[in-house]
Amino acid sequence: WSGAMGDLMPDLLHKKSKVYGADGNAPPDAGDCGGWVYLEPRLALVGHDVAVSQGLKVGMSDAGYKWMDQKMMTDESKGGAGFINKIGADGAAVRVVWQHTIGAEKDGVFHPDGWESAVTYACGRGDNYYLQVWDERPRQHGE
């Protein structure tokens, strides 16, 4: 990470956190010297922060991984990126073609364009967001 501490302030405001101490105001017991500073950028959830659109490059969100674990389902993404292929009629659920399937073989059949996921991923349905916009930029500790 490089930059000034002030670069992180918009995330604090977005998360409705209050920073104490910098402006001379402190909690009544003065036991807190400051607010939480989030070092990881906020991830853009598909259907919440970013509109659902065909062809959007996505990955699984933390909520998506938890959902897969609860349902004891196999992670079709294999931790990689994919592209939204089909959008449900209500726009709140999608099917994805995961990148690792492009040019791969399934059941003895070669798929040059990959294959569509068997799972339908929520992008707002039931207030669940199982996908996030894929971020290609490598992260470093503390960034």
Protein backbone atom coordinates (compact mmCIF):
# COMPACT_ATOMS: atom_id res chain seq x y z
CA TRP A 1 0.00 0.00 0.00
CA SER A 2 1.17 3.48 -0.74
CA GLY A 3 -0.54 6.78 -0.25
CA ALA A 4 -1.81 8.95 2.54
CA MET A 5 -4.13 7.86 5.33
CA GLY A 6 -6.69 10.29 3.95
CA ASP A 7 -7.05 8.07 0.88
CA LEU A 8 -8.93 5.60 3.07
CA MET A 9 -11.45 8.04 4.50
CA PRO A 10 -14.16 7.59 1.81
CA ASP A 11 -14.45 3.89 2.76
CA LEU A 12 -14.96 4.86 6.39
CA LEU A 13 -17.75 7.24 5.45
CA HIS A 14 -19.34 4.60 3.20
CA LYS A 15 -19.34 2.08 6.05
CA LYS A 16 -20.86 4.67 8.41
CA SER A 17 -17.93 4.43 10.81
CA LYS A 18 -16.92 7.30 13.02
CA VAL A 19 -13.28 8.24 13.52
CA TYR A 20 -12.46 9.50 17.00
CA GLY A 21 -9.46 11.46 18.13
CA ALA A 22 -8.44 13.16 14.88
CA ASP A 23 -10.84 16.08 15.46
CA GLY A 24 -10.36 16.25 19.23
CA ASN A 25 -13.60 14.41 20.01
CA ALA A 26 -13.21 11.22 21.98
CA PRO A 27 -15.64 8.73 23.47
CA PRO A 28 -16.71 9.51 27.06
CA ASP A 29 -14.34 6.94 28.60
CA ALA A 30 -11.45 8.01 26.33
CA GLY A 31 -10.61 4.33 25.96
CA ASP A 32 -10.70 4.39 22.18
CA CYS A 33 -7.92 6.14 20.32
CA GLY A 34 -9.47 5.95 16.88
CA GLY A 35 -11.93 4.33 14.51
CA TRP A 36 -11.42 1.23 12.42
CA VAL A 37 -9.56 1.76 9.18
CA TYR A 38 -10.37 -0.76 6.46
CA LEU A 39 -7.26 -1.51 4.41
CA GLU A 40 -8.95 -3.75 1.84
CA PRO A 41 -10.99 -1.91 -0.79
CA ARG A 42 -14.70 -2.58 -0.70
CA LEU A 43 -15.67 -5.27 -3.18
CA ALA A 44 -18.42 -4.49 -5.66
CA LEU A 45 -21.27 -7.00 -5.27
CA VAL A 46 -23.13 -7.84 -8.47
CA GLY A 47 -26.76 -6.72 -8.22
CA HIS A 48 -26.04 -4.45 -5.25
CA ASP A 49 -23.14 -2.14 -6.17
CA VAL A 50 -22.97 -2.98 -9.87
CA ALA A 51 -25.86 -3.71 -12.23
CA VAL A 52 -26.25 -7.26 -13.49
CA SER A 53 -25.21 -7.46 -17.14
CA GLN A 54 -24.41 -10.23 -19.56
CA GLY A 55 -20.67 -10.62 -20.12
CA LEU A 56 -19.68 -9.01 -16.79
CA LYS A 57 -16.52 -10.63 -15.38
CA VAL A 58 -17.27 -11.98 -11.89
CA GLY A 59 -15.97 -14.13 -9.08
CA MET A 60 -17.56 -15.66 -6.00
CA SER A 61 -18.25 -13.37 -3.03
CA ASP A 62 -17.67 -14.40 0.58
CA ALA A 63 -21.43 -14.85 0.95
CA GLY A 64 -21.38 -17.09 -2.14
CA TYR A 65 -18.67 -19.32 -0.67
CA LYS A 66 -20.60 -19.57 2.62
CA TRP A 67 -23.78 -20.48 0.74
CA MET A 68 -21.94 -23.19 -1.24
CA ASP A 69 -20.52 -24.62 2.01
CA GLN A 70 -23.95 -24.61 3.71
CA LYS A 71 -25.50 -26.42 0.74
CA MET A 72 -22.46 -28.76 0.53
CA MET A 73 -22.09 -27.93 -3.15
CA THR A 74 -18.92 -28.07 -5.24
CA ASP A 75 -17.37 -24.70 -6.04
CA GLU A 76 -17.69 -24.57 -9.82
CA SER A 77 -15.56 -21.41 -9.97
CA LYS A 78 -12.46 -23.14 -8.56
CA GLY A 79 -11.53 -19.74 -7.12
CA GLY A 80 -11.32 -18.13 -10.55
CA ALA A 81 -13.20 -15.68 -12.71
CA GLY A 82 -16.16 -16.22 -14.98
CA PHE A 83 -18.60 -14.30 -17.17
CA ILE A 84 -22.33 -13.84 -16.66
CA ASN A 85 -23.97 -15.84 -19.42
CA LYS A 86 -27.70 -15.77 -18.66
CA ILE A 87 -29.81 -13.47 -16.51
CA GLY A 88 -33.05 -14.60 -14.85
CA ALA A 89 -36.33 -12.93 -15.85
CA ASP A 90 -36.38 -10.95 -12.59
CA GLY A 91 -32.72 -9.90 -13.05
CA ALA A 92 -31.84 -11.18 -9.58
CA ALA A 93 -30.15 -14.47 -10.50
CA VAL A 94 -27.62 -15.50 -13.13
CA ARG A 95 -25.75 -18.37 -14.70
CA VAL A 96 -22.00 -18.11 -15.24
CA VAL A 97 -19.45 -19.58 -17.64
CA TRP A 98 -16.30 -20.03 -15.52
CA GLN A 99 -13.00 -19.28 -17.30
CA HIS A 100 -11.45 -22.64 -16.44
CA THR A 101 -14.16 -24.36 -18.55
CA ILE A 102 -13.28 -22.44 -21.73
CA GLY A 103 -11.45 -24.79 -24.06
CA ALA A 104 -11.93 -27.68 -21.65
CA GLU A 105 -13.47 -31.12 -22.05
CA LYS A 106 -16.53 -32.33 -20.15
CA ASP A 107 -18.00 -35.82 -20.43
CA GLY A 108 -15.80 -36.48 -23.47
CA VAL A 109 -17.01 -33.36 -25.32
CA PHE A 110 -14.70 -30.42 -26.10
CA HIS A 111 -16.20 -27.01 -25.22
CA PRO A 112 -14.30 -24.20 -26.98
CA ASP A 113 -16.57 -21.57 -25.39
CA GLY A 114 -16.84 -23.29 -22.01
CA TRP A 115 -20.06 -24.49 -20.42
CA GLU A 116 -22.70 -22.81 -18.34
CA SER A 117 -22.72 -23.39 -14.60
CA ALA A 118 -25.24 -25.86 -13.23
CA VAL A 119 -25.80 -23.48 -10.32
CA THR A 120 -27.91 -20.31 -10.48
CA TYR A 121 -26.24 -17.54 -8.46
CA ALA A 122 -28.31 -14.95 -6.56
CA CYS A 123 -27.60 -11.31 -7.40
CA GLY A 124 -30.20 -9.73 -5.16
CA ARG A 125 -32.75 -12.52 -4.96
CA GLY A 126 -33.73 -12.88 -1.32
CA ASP A 127 -31.25 -10.10 -0.51
CA ASN A 128 -28.38 -12.50 -1.30
CA TYR A 129 -25.35 -11.52 -3.37
CA TYR A 130 -23.18 -14.51 -4.31
CA LEU A 131 -21.02 -12.84 -6.97
CA GLN A 132 -18.67 -9.87 -7.00
CA VAL A 133 -16.96 -8.00 -9.80
CA TRP A 134 -13.66 -9.69 -10.63
CA ASP A 135 -10.60 -7.66 -9.69
CA GLU A 136 -7.49 -8.54 -11.73
CA ARG A 137 -5.16 -6.39 -9.66
CA PRO A 138 -2.90 -8.45 -7.37
CA ARG A 139 -3.05 -7.44 -3.74
CA GLN A 140 -0.19 -7.01 -1.32
CA HIS A 141 -0.28 -7.35 2.45
CA GLY A 142 -1.74 -4.22 4.02
CA GLU A 143 -3.17 -2.90 0.77
